[in-house]
Structures are given as C-alpha cells and as structure tokens.
C-alpha cells in the first residue's frame, strides 16, 4: 500500500509538471501570435505595395506609349489604310563622280498595311508591313535625267516595314522602305531618313541621301494634291492599291527573250 501511494504521488507530480510545461507553451504561443500576425500583415502590405507600384508603372508606360506620336501615327495608318512620307527639296549624291549633287522630292504612298498578331497583348500595332508607291515629280525626274540617272520612272513599287522598339517608358518604330527590284533602302527614324541605292548593270542610279521628311495623312497637302492630279483620282486606300497594281504590271509586262 505504501508503494502504491508513492507511485500515485510521483504520477501526480509528473502530471503537474507536464501541465505547467503545456501552459507555458500556450502562453508563449499567444505572446508570439501578435508578432507573427504583425509580421505577416507587414509582409502582405509590402507585397500589395509592390503590386500596386508595378501596375502603376505599367499604366504609366502604356500611357506614355499611347501618347507617343509614332504610336498615334501607325494606329491612324492602320485604321485609315494609307499614309504618306514626303521628302521635299532634299539632296542626293550620286555614285558617278562626274555628276553634281541635286535636289529631289519624293512622295512615299503607303497602302493598306498588314498587321502582325498582338502577341504581347498591349493592344498596340508593334509590327506592320505594306506595299508602297513612290511618286517622283516631273521636276525631280528632269534633274535626275540632267545628272545622267537612268532607270527612273514617275511611279515605282516598293515595300514598307515598321517594327516597334521599346526604349524606357517609350520607344520608336524602326521603319524601312525597300525596292523589290534592286538594293534601294530608305531607313526612317521619326522624321529623319537615310537612303542608298546601288546601280544594277546598265543603269547609273546609284546614290546616297540623308535628310528630313514629313509624315502626314492630310491629302490636302499641296504635294499630295499634285500626286492626286498625276493619277487623276482622289488619294484613298483603294486608289493606292490600284496604282500599285498598275505600276507593277507595267514594270513586269515586258517579255524577256532568251537566245538558244
């Protein structure tokens, strides 16, 4: 009986110790819980702030891109179906050393563009491509002829590409006009341009040029009115395509005879 009582006393002491330890753990957990909640709330707040700041930056960048004149121009081009780049009274340097530089005027008439898929989902036109009519006014044709340039026509067919290059909160379009028949390339950055052309065998049209042009959609421009008079029609997306097709057929209609 004495031994049994002793065991009971030991068991009660162990239970008392265990209860004290458990109570201390509970108190410790309760004391730590506010700190944990505070830390979690603080971390959550920081994450929310970062997300908000990121969205703010995205909105700022998107707003800056929408306000970009190039973005507006290309969007208007896609919706309107035509666009013009006027190079007036700029200087060309020919490859022939016996010629002097001369002043030229060209009109680039971009037809209805093909738009690349909006893969990044920004709702912008990041890449476009189209066919182009280049119109050379009579005064420039005469100046080129006087300089000995051969192979020029009043209308020629070309291609146009524009690809958006993101830069900081804005960017620019990398724009080119290329000749389908030779190596003529016009690279346009904003209003500035550079151009070069090699001379295919039998021609003397090799040249380099650089200067500034004017992007416009306004067909009341005097030079565009001259273009409309030259084709005898209003300048529209439809007449751009018609003029391109006519020039293409004219330039590819000759039959090449191959000797046996």
C-alpha atoms as a PDB file:
ATOM      1  CA  UNK A   1       0.000   0.000   0.000  1.00  0.00           C
ATOM      2  CA  UNK A   2       2.864   2.372   0.809  1.00  0.00           C
ATOM      3  CA  UNK A   3       4.438   1.584  -2.570  1.00  0.00           C
ATOM      4  CA  UNK A   4       1.146   2.223  -4.347  1.00  0.00           C
ATOM      5  CA  UNK A   5       0.727   5.587  -2.627  1.00  0.00           C
ATOM      6  CA  UNK A   6       4.267   6.504  -3.627  1.00  0.00           C
ATOM      7  CA  UNK A   7       3.512   5.747  -7.270  1.00  0.00           C
ATOM      8  CA  UNK A   8       0.376   7.867  -7.133  1.00  0.00           C
ATOM      9  CA  UNK A   9       2.328  10.826  -5.715  1.00  0.00           C
ATOM     10  CA  UNK A  10       5.011  10.527  -8.426  1.00  0.00           C
ATOM     11  CA  UNK A  11       2.353  10.338 -11.164  1.00  0.00           C
ATOM     12  CA  UNK A  12       0.608  13.434  -9.794  1.00  0.00           C
ATOM     13  CA  UNK A  13       3.904  15.343  -9.724  1.00  0.00           C
ATOM     14  CA  UNK A  14       4.663  14.352 -13.335  1.00  0.00           C
ATOM     15  CA  UNK A  15       1.178  15.422 -14.368  1.00  0.00           C
ATOM     16  CA  UNK A  16       1.630  18.753 -12.586  1.00  0.00           C
ATOM     17  CA  UNK A  17       4.995  19.326 -14.346  1.00  0.00           C
ATOM     18  CA  UNK A  18       3.522  18.401 -17.747  1.00  0.00           C
ATOM     19  CA  UNK A  19       0.579  20.719 -17.195  1.00  0.00           C
ATOM     20  CA  UNK A  20       2.955  23.559 -16.251  1.00  0.00           C
ATOM     21  CA  UNK A  21       5.070  22.999 -19.364  1.00  0.00           C
ATOM     22  CA  UNK A  22       1.963  22.878 -21.582  1.00  0.00           C
ATOM     23  CA  UNK A  23       0.606  26.064 -20.028  1.00  0.00           C
ATOM     24  CA  UNK A  24       3.948  27.819 -20.576  1.00  0.00           C
ATOM     25  CA  UNK A  25       3.927  26.759 -24.265  1.00  0.00           C
ATOM     26  CA  UNK A  26       0.385  28.060 -24.685  1.00  0.00           C
ATOM     27  CA  UNK A  27       1.324  31.405 -23.122  1.00  0.00           C
ATOM     28  CA  UNK A  28       4.418  31.578 -25.308  1.00  0.00           C
ATOM     29  CA  UNK A  29       2.403  30.882 -28.459  1.00  0.00           C
ATOM     30  CA  UNK A  30      -0.172  33.501 -27.502  1.00  0.00           C
ATOM     31  CA  UNK A  31       2.589  36.019 -26.911  1.00  0.00           C
ATOM     32  CA  UNK A  32       4.225  35.246 -30.254  1.00  0.00           C
ATOM     33  CA  UNK A  33       0.998  35.236 -32.244  1.00  0.00           C
ATOM     34  CA  UNK A  34       0.553  39.046 -32.362  1.00  0.00           C
ATOM     35  CA  UNK A  35       4.146  39.439 -33.536  1.00  0.00           C
ATOM     36  CA  UNK A  36       3.613  36.751 -36.195  1.00  0.00           C
ATOM     37  CA  UNK A  37       0.371  38.371 -37.297  1.00  0.00           C
ATOM     38  CA  UNK A  38       2.092  41.744 -37.401  1.00  0.00           C
ATOM     39  CA  UNK A  39       4.948  40.343 -39.468  1.00  0.00           C
ATOM     40  CA  UNK A  40       2.554  38.625 -41.839  1.00  0.00           C
ATOM     41  CA  UNK A  41       0.468  41.779 -42.181  1.00  0.00           C
ATOM     42  CA  UNK A  42       3.612  43.786 -42.809  1.00  0.00           C
ATOM     43  CA  UNK A  43       4.817  41.363 -45.470  1.00  0.00           C
ATOM     44  CA  UNK A  44       1.386  41.295 -47.067  1.00  0.00           C
ATOM     45  CA  UNK A  45       1.321  45.094 -47.106  1.00  0.00           C
ATOM     46  CA  UNK A  46       4.737  45.200 -48.780  1.00  0.00           C
ATOM     47  CA  UNK A  47       3.576  42.745 -51.462  1.00  0.00           C
ATOM     48  CA  UNK A  48       0.418  44.766 -52.073  1.00  0.00           C
ATOM     49  CA  UNK A  49       2.518  47.950 -52.353  1.00  0.00           C
ATOM     50  CA  UNK A  50       4.844  46.269 -54.855  1.00  0.00           C
ATOM     51  CA  UNK A  51       1.913  45.014 -56.945  1.00  0.00           C
ATOM     52  CA  UNK A  52       0.300  48.457 -56.870  1.00  0.00           C
ATOM     53  CA  UNK A  53       3.560  50.123 -57.885  1.00  0.00           C
ATOM     54  CA  UNK A  54       4.060  47.603 -60.686  1.00  0.00           C
ATOM     55  CA  UNK A  55       0.556  48.257 -62.023  1.00  0.00           C
ATOM     56  CA  UNK A  56       1.151  51.998 -61.740  1.00  0.00           C
ATOM     57  CA  UNK A  57       4.362  51.663 -63.756  1.00  0.00           C
ATOM     58  CA  UNK A  58       2.554  49.552 -66.364  1.00  0.00           C
ATOM     59  CA  UNK A  59      -0.176  52.194 -66.659  1.00  0.00           C
ATOM     60  CA  UNK A  60       2.420  54.970 -66.901  1.00  0.00           C
ATOM     61  CA  UNK A  61       4.358  53.098 -69.594  1.00  0.00           C
ATOM     62  CA  UNK A  62       1.186  52.274 -71.520  1.00  0.00           C
ATOM     63  CA  UNK A  63       0.033  55.898 -71.288  1.00  0.00           C
ATOM     64  CA  UNK A  64       3.423  57.107 -72.494  1.00  0.00           C
ATOM     65  CA  UNK A  65       3.293  54.729 -75.456  1.00  0.00           C
ATOM     66  CA  UNK A  66      -0.251  55.743 -76.377  1.00  0.00           C
ATOM     67  CA  UNK A  67       0.795  59.415 -76.252  1.00  0.00           C
ATOM     68  CA  UNK A  68       3.812  58.695 -78.448  1.00  0.00           C
ATOM     69  CA  UNK A  69       3.307  60.441 -81.827  1.00  0.00           C
ATOM     70  CA  UNK A  70       4.647  57.389 -83.678  1.00  0.00           C
ATOM     71  CA  UNK A  71       2.106  55.124 -81.969  1.00  0.00           C
ATOM     72  CA  UNK A  72      -0.704  57.506 -82.909  1.00  0.00           C
ATOM     73  CA  UNK A  73       0.521  57.727 -86.484  1.00  0.00           C
ATOM     74  CA  UNK A  74       0.688  53.961 -87.009  1.00  0.00           C
ATOM     75  CA  UNK A  75      -2.720  53.442 -85.360  1.00  0.00           C
ATOM     76  CA  UNK A  76      -4.192  56.079 -87.680  1.00  0.00           C
ATOM     77  CA  UNK A  77      -2.444  54.419 -90.620  1.00  0.00           C
ATOM     78  CA  UNK A  78      -3.946  51.022 -89.807  1.00  0.00           C
ATOM     79  CA  UNK A  79      -7.454  52.434 -89.406  1.00  0.00           C
ATOM     80  CA  UNK A  80      -7.245  54.751 -92.441  1.00  0.00           C
ATOM     81  CA  UNK A  81      -5.494  52.369 -94.818  1.00  0.00           C
ATOM     82  CA  UNK A  82      -2.920  54.797 -96.214  1.00  0.00           C
ATOM     83  CA  UNK A  83      -0.054  57.029 -95.092  1.00  0.00           C
ATOM     84  CA  UNK A  84       2.393  59.426 -96.739  1.00  0.00           C
ATOM     85  CA  UNK A  85       6.020  60.325 -96.163  1.00  0.00           C
ATOM     86  CA  UNK A  86       7.007  63.435 -98.104  1.00  0.00           C
ATOM     87  CA  UNK A  87      10.665  64.121 -98.808  1.00  0.00           C
ATOM     88  CA  UNK A  88      10.836  67.640-100.246  1.00  0.00           C
ATOM     89  CA  UNK A  89      13.881  69.531-101.518  1.00  0.00           C
ATOM     90  CA  UNK A  90      16.493  67.204-100.033  1.00  0.00           C
ATOM     91  CA  UNK A  91      19.880  66.411-101.567  1.00  0.00           C
ATOM     92  CA  UNK A  92      21.045  63.283-103.396  1.00  0.00           C
ATOM     93  CA  UNK A  93      24.677  62.395-104.030  1.00  0.00           C
ATOM     94  CA  UNK A  94      25.182  60.077-106.996  1.00  0.00           C
ATOM     95  CA  UNK A  95      27.832  57.436-107.334  1.00  0.00           C
ATOM     96  CA  UNK A  96      29.066  58.849-110.645  1.00  0.00           C
ATOM     97  CA  UNK A  97      31.953  61.240-109.830  1.00  0.00           C
ATOM     98  CA  UNK A  98      31.246  63.314-112.916  1.00  0.00           C
ATOM     99  CA  UNK A  99      27.849  64.403-111.544  1.00  0.00           C
ATOM    100  CA  UNK A 100      26.944  67.060-109.013  1.00  0.00           C
ATOM    101  CA  UNK A 101      24.533  66.544-106.102  1.00  0.00           C
ATOM    102  CA  UNK A 102      20.993  67.618-106.940  1.00  0.00           C
ATOM    103  CA  UNK A 103      17.802  68.444-105.077  1.00  0.00           C
ATOM    104  CA  UNK A 104      14.968  65.919-105.174  1.00  0.00           C
ATOM    105  CA  UNK A 105      11.396  65.466-103.993  1.00  0.00           C
ATOM    106  CA  UNK A 106       9.758  62.056-103.458  1.00  0.00           C
ATOM    107  CA  UNK A 107       6.387  61.023-102.094  1.00  0.00           C
ATOM    108  CA  UNK A 108       6.079  57.644-100.371  1.00  0.00           C
ATOM    109  CA  UNK A 109       2.463  56.467-100.540  1.00  0.00           C
ATOM    110  CA  UNK A 110       1.974  53.550 -98.162  1.00  0.00           C
ATOM    111  CA  UNK A 111      -1.005  51.323 -98.964  1.00  0.00           C
ATOM    112  CA  UNK A 112      -3.209  49.258 -96.610  1.00  0.00           C
ATOM    113  CA  UNK A 113      -0.900  47.592 -94.063  1.00  0.00           C
ATOM    114  CA  UNK A 114      -0.806  44.019 -92.866  1.00  0.00           C
ATOM    115  CA  UNK A 115      -0.633  43.917 -89.080  1.00  0.00           C
ATOM    116  CA  UNK A 116       1.316  41.307 -87.117  1.00  0.00           C
ATOM    117  CA  UNK A 117      -0.533  39.482 -84.299  1.00  0.00           C
ATOM    118  CA  UNK A 118      -0.604  41.267 -80.937  1.00  0.00           C
ATOM    119  CA  UNK A 119       1.425  38.614 -79.136  1.00  0.00           C
ATOM    120  CA  UNK A 120       2.182  40.684 -76.026  1.00  0.00           C
ATOM    121  CA  UNK A 121      -1.442  41.784 -75.625  1.00  0.00           C
ATOM    122  CA  UNK A 122      -0.713  45.511 -75.285  1.00  0.00           C
ATOM    123  CA  UNK A 123      -3.334  46.483 -77.854  1.00  0.00           C
ATOM    124  CA  UNK A 124      -0.733  48.303 -79.948  1.00  0.00           C
ATOM    125  CA  UNK A 125       0.453  47.733 -83.501  1.00  0.00           C
ATOM    126  CA  UNK A 126       4.018  46.599 -82.905  1.00  0.00           C
ATOM    127  CA  UNK A 127       4.748  45.430 -86.448  1.00  0.00           C
ATOM    128  CA  UNK A 128       3.211  46.364 -89.790  1.00  0.00           C
ATOM    129  CA  UNK A 129       4.149  45.766 -93.419  1.00  0.00           C
ATOM    130  CA  UNK A 130       2.721  47.098 -96.654  1.00  0.00           C
ATOM    131  CA  UNK A 131       3.249  47.897-100.310  1.00  0.00           C
ATOM    132  CA  UNK A 132       4.358  51.394-101.295  1.00  0.00           C
ATOM    133  CA  UNK A 133       4.036  53.628-104.332  1.00  0.00           C
ATOM    134  CA  UNK A 134       6.870  56.113-104.728  1.00  0.00           C
ATOM    135  CA  UNK A 135       5.948  59.130-106.818  1.00  0.00           C
ATOM    136  CA  UNK A 136       8.746  61.229-108.361  1.00  0.00           C
ATOM    137  CA  UNK A 137       7.506  64.654-109.549  1.00  0.00           C
ATOM    138  CA  UNK A 138       8.475  65.886-113.030  1.00  0.00           C
ATOM    139  CA  UNK A 139      10.953  68.441-111.660  1.00  0.00           C
ATOM    140  CA  UNK A 140      12.943  65.716-109.872  1.00  0.00           C
ATOM    141  CA  UNK A 141      12.777  63.430-112.907  1.00  0.00           C
ATOM    142  CA  UNK A 142      14.220  66.219-115.052  1.00  0.00           C
ATOM    143  CA  UNK A 143      17.001  66.924-112.527  1.00  0.00           C
ATOM    144  CA  UNK A 144      17.856  63.206-112.397  1.00  0.00           C
ATOM    145  CA  UNK A 145      17.856  62.977-116.188  1.00  0.00           C
ATOM    146  CA  UNK A 146      20.151  66.000-116.431  1.00  0.00           C
ATOM    147  CA  UNK A 147      22.511  64.243-113.995  1.00  0.00           C
ATOM    148  CA  UNK A 148      22.575  61.166-116.225  1.00  0.00           C
ATOM    149  CA  UNK A 149      20.496  58.940-113.967  1.00  0.00           C
ATOM    150  CA  UNK A 150      18.794  56.089-115.810  1.00  0.00           C
ATOM    151  CA  UNK A 151      16.116  53.585-114.851  1.00  0.00           C
ATOM    152  CA  UNK A 152      13.781  56.038-113.063  1.00  0.00           C
ATOM    153  CA  UNK A 153      10.034  56.234-113.564  1.00  0.00           C
ATOM    154  CA  UNK A 154       7.302  58.540-112.317  1.00  0.00           C
ATOM    155  CA  UNK A 155       5.899  55.680-110.228  1.00  0.00           C
ATOM    156  CA  UNK A 156       7.821  52.758-108.740  1.00  0.00           C
ATOM    157  CA  UNK A 157       6.758  49.901-106.444  1.00  0.00           C
ATOM    158  CA  UNK A 158       8.348  49.235-103.063  1.00  0.00           C
ATOM    159  CA  UNK A 159       7.729  47.654 -99.666  1.00  0.00           C
ATOM    160  CA  UNK A 160       7.394  49.180 -96.196  1.00  0.00           C
ATOM    161  CA  UNK A 161       8.039  47.693 -92.762  1.00  0.00           C
ATOM    162  CA  UNK A 162       7.716  49.166 -89.277  1.00  0.00           C
ATOM    163  CA  UNK A 163       8.727  47.418 -86.068  1.00  0.00           C
ATOM    164  CA  UNK A 164       8.278  48.900 -82.585  1.00  0.00           C
ATOM    165  CA  UNK A 165      11.437  49.168 -80.492  1.00  0.00           C
ATOM    166  CA  UNK A 166      10.726  49.640 -76.774  1.00  0.00           C
ATOM    167  CA  UNK A 167      13.039  52.112 -75.055  1.00  0.00           C
ATOM    168  CA  UNK A 168      12.490  53.093 -71.415  1.00  0.00           C
ATOM    169  CA  UNK A 169       8.908  54.288 -70.939  1.00  0.00           C
ATOM    170  CA  UNK A 170       8.582  54.980 -74.668  1.00  0.00           C
ATOM    171  CA  UNK A 171      10.193  53.812 -77.859  1.00  0.00           C
ATOM    172  CA  UNK A 172      10.229  54.279 -81.614  1.00  0.00           C
ATOM    173  CA  UNK A 173       9.441  52.473 -84.849  1.00  0.00           C
ATOM    174  CA  UNK A 174      12.288  51.064 -86.900  1.00  0.00           C
ATOM    175  CA  UNK A 175      10.955  51.881 -90.378  1.00  0.00           C
ATOM    176  CA  UNK A 176      12.261  50.910 -93.813  1.00  0.00           C
ATOM    177  CA  UNK A 177      11.196  51.342 -97.407  1.00  0.00           C
ATOM    178  CA  UNK A 178      12.848  48.857 -99.753  1.00  0.00           C
ATOM    179  CA  UNK A 179      12.848  48.336-103.515  1.00  0.00           C
ATOM    180  CA  UNK A 180      11.638  44.910-104.662  1.00  0.00           C
ATOM    181  CA  UNK A 181      13.748  45.155-107.804  1.00  0.00           C
ATOM    182  CA  UNK A 182      17.160  46.223-106.504  1.00  0.00           C
ATOM    183  CA  UNK A 183      19.006  47.184-103.338  1.00  0.00           C
ATOM    184  CA  UNK A 184      17.385  50.571-102.697  1.00  0.00           C
ATOM    185  CA  UNK A 185      16.774  51.074 -98.967  1.00  0.00           C
ATOM    186  CA  UNK A 186      15.331  54.074 -97.139  1.00  0.00           C
ATOM    187  CA  UNK A 187      15.671  53.898 -93.365  1.00  0.00           C
ATOM    188  CA  UNK A 188      13.412  56.272 -91.455  1.00  0.00           C
ATOM    189  CA  UNK A 189      13.699  57.200 -87.776  1.00  0.00           C
ATOM    190  CA  UNK A 190      10.967  59.644 -86.829  1.00  0.00           C
ATOM    191  CA  UNK A 191      11.300  62.374 -89.446  1.00  0.00           C
ATOM    192  CA  UNK A 192      14.945  61.692 -90.233  1.00  0.00           C
ATOM    193  CA  UNK A 193      15.927  59.372 -93.058  1.00  0.00           C
ATOM    194  CA  UNK A 194      18.932  57.919 -94.817  1.00  0.00           C
ATOM    195  CA  UNK A 195      18.813  56.275 -98.210  1.00  0.00           C
ATOM    196  CA  UNK A 196      21.087  54.372-100.523  1.00  0.00           C
ATOM    197  CA  UNK A 197      20.854  52.558-103.823  1.00  0.00           C
ATOM    198  CA  UNK A 198      23.280  50.551-105.885  1.00  0.00           C
ATOM    199  CA  UNK A 199      23.302  50.631-109.677  1.00  0.00           C
ATOM    200  CA  UNK A 200      22.237  47.410-111.380  1.00  0.00           C
ATOM    201  CA  UNK A 201      24.211  46.614-114.517  1.00  0.00           C
ATOM    202  CA  UNK A 202      23.341  49.022-117.314  1.00  0.00           C
ATOM    203  CA  UNK A 203      21.988  51.778-115.044  1.00  0.00           C
ATOM    204  CA  UNK A 204      23.515  54.803-113.322  1.00  0.00           C
ATOM    205  CA  UNK A 205      21.114  55.317-110.435  1.00  0.00           C
ATOM    206  CA  UNK A 206      23.471  54.556-107.543  1.00  0.00           C
ATOM    207  CA  UNK A 207      23.026  57.156-104.826  1.00  0.00           C
ATOM    208  CA  UNK A 208      23.159  58.096-101.157  1.00  0.00           C
ATOM    209  CA  UNK A 209      20.963  60.609 -99.366  1.00  0.00           C
ATOM    210  CA  UNK A 210      20.008  61.781 -95.906  1.00  0.00           C
ATOM    211  CA  UNK A 211      17.655  64.432 -94.612  1.00  0.00           C
ATOM    212  CA  UNK A 212      14.260  65.053 -93.099  1.00  0.00           C
ATOM    213  CA  UNK A 213      10.766  64.237 -94.284  1.00  0.00           C
ATOM    214  CA  UNK A 214       7.162  64.778 -93.266  1.00  0.00           C
ATOM    215  CA  UNK A 215       4.714  62.089 -92.163  1.00  0.00           C
ATOM    216  CA  UNK A 216       1.139  63.031 -92.957  1.00  0.00           C
ATOM    217  CA  UNK A 217      -2.367  61.713 -93.569  1.00  0.00           C
ATOM    218  CA  UNK A 218      -3.641  65.061 -94.820  1.00  0.00           C
ATOM    219  CA  UNK A 219      -4.372  64.713 -98.527  1.00  0.00           C
ATOM    220  CA  UNK A 220      -4.897  68.486 -98.846  1.00  0.00           C
ATOM    221  CA  UNK A 221      -1.113  68.933 -98.723  1.00  0.00           C
ATOM    222  CA  UNK A 222      -0.088  70.711-101.985  1.00  0.00           C
ATOM    223  CA  UNK A 223       2.375  67.977-102.951  1.00  0.00           C
ATOM    224  CA  UNK A 224      -0.275  65.325-102.357  1.00  0.00           C
ATOM    225  CA  UNK A 225      -2.693  67.318-104.467  1.00  0.00           C
ATOM    226  CA  UNK A 226      -0.053  67.166-107.221  1.00  0.00           C
ATOM    227  CA  UNK A 227       0.074  63.380-106.756  1.00  0.00           C
ATOM    228  CA  UNK A 228      -3.737  63.152-106.988  1.00  0.00           C
ATOM    229  CA  UNK A 229      -3.622  65.173-110.200  1.00  0.00           C
ATOM    230  CA  UNK A 230      -0.945  62.836-111.607  1.00  0.00           C
ATOM    231  CA  UNK A 231      -3.165  59.771-111.136  1.00  0.00           C
ATOM    232  CA  UNK A 232      -6.413  61.583-111.919  1.00  0.00           C
ATOM    233  CA  UNK A 233      -8.101  60.261-108.776  1.00  0.00           C
ATOM    234  CA  UNK A 234      -8.589  61.052-105.102  1.00  0.00           C
ATOM    235  CA  UNK A 235      -5.979  59.604-102.769  1.00  0.00           C
ATOM    236  CA  UNK A 236      -7.583  56.708-100.897  1.00  0.00           C
ATOM    237  CA  UNK A 237      -6.578  53.253 -99.697  1.00  0.00           C
ATOM    238  CA  UNK A 238      -8.330  51.816-102.756  1.00  0.00           C
ATOM    239  CA  UNK A 239      -6.592  54.052-105.307  1.00  0.00           C
ATOM    240  CA  UNK A 240      -3.253  53.338-103.609  1.00  0.00           C
ATOM    241  CA  UNK A 241      -3.738  49.621-104.230  1.00  0.00           C
ATOM    242  CA  UNK A 242      -4.916  50.280-107.800  1.00  0.00           C
ATOM    243  CA  UNK A 243      -1.926  52.475-108.607  1.00  0.00           C
ATOM    244  CA  UNK A 244       0.465  49.899-107.164  1.00  0.00           C
ATOM    245  CA  UNK A 245      -1.052  47.089-109.239  1.00  0.00           C
ATOM    246  CA  UNK A 246      -0.902  49.177-112.408  1.00  0.00           C
ATOM    247  CA  UNK A 247       2.732  50.137-111.879  1.00  0.00           C
ATOM    248  CA  UNK A 248       3.645  46.553-111.032  1.00  0.00           C
ATOM    249  CA  UNK A 249       2.047  45.240-114.207  1.00  0.00           C
ATOM    250  CA  UNK A 250       3.683  47.957-116.315  1.00  0.00           C
ATOM    251  CA  UNK A 251       7.137  47.219-114.915  1.00  0.00           C
ATOM    252  CA  UNK A 252       6.757  43.430-115.335  1.00  0.00           C
ATOM    253  CA  UNK A 253       4.916  43.279-118.648  1.00  0.00           C
ATOM    254  CA  UNK A 254       7.956  43.209-120.938  1.00  0.00           C
ATOM    255  CA  UNK A 255       8.840  39.775-122.322  1.00  0.00           C
ATOM    256  CA  UNK A 256      12.433  38.653-121.857  1.00  0.00           C
ATOM    257  CA  UNK A 257      13.701  36.658-124.805  1.00  0.00           C
ATOM    258  CA  UNK A 258      16.377  34.072-124.122  1.00  0.00           C
ATOM    259  CA  UNK A 259      18.682  33.136-127.001  1.00  0.00           C
ATOM    260  CA  UNK A 260      19.323  29.478-127.666  1.00  0.00           C
END
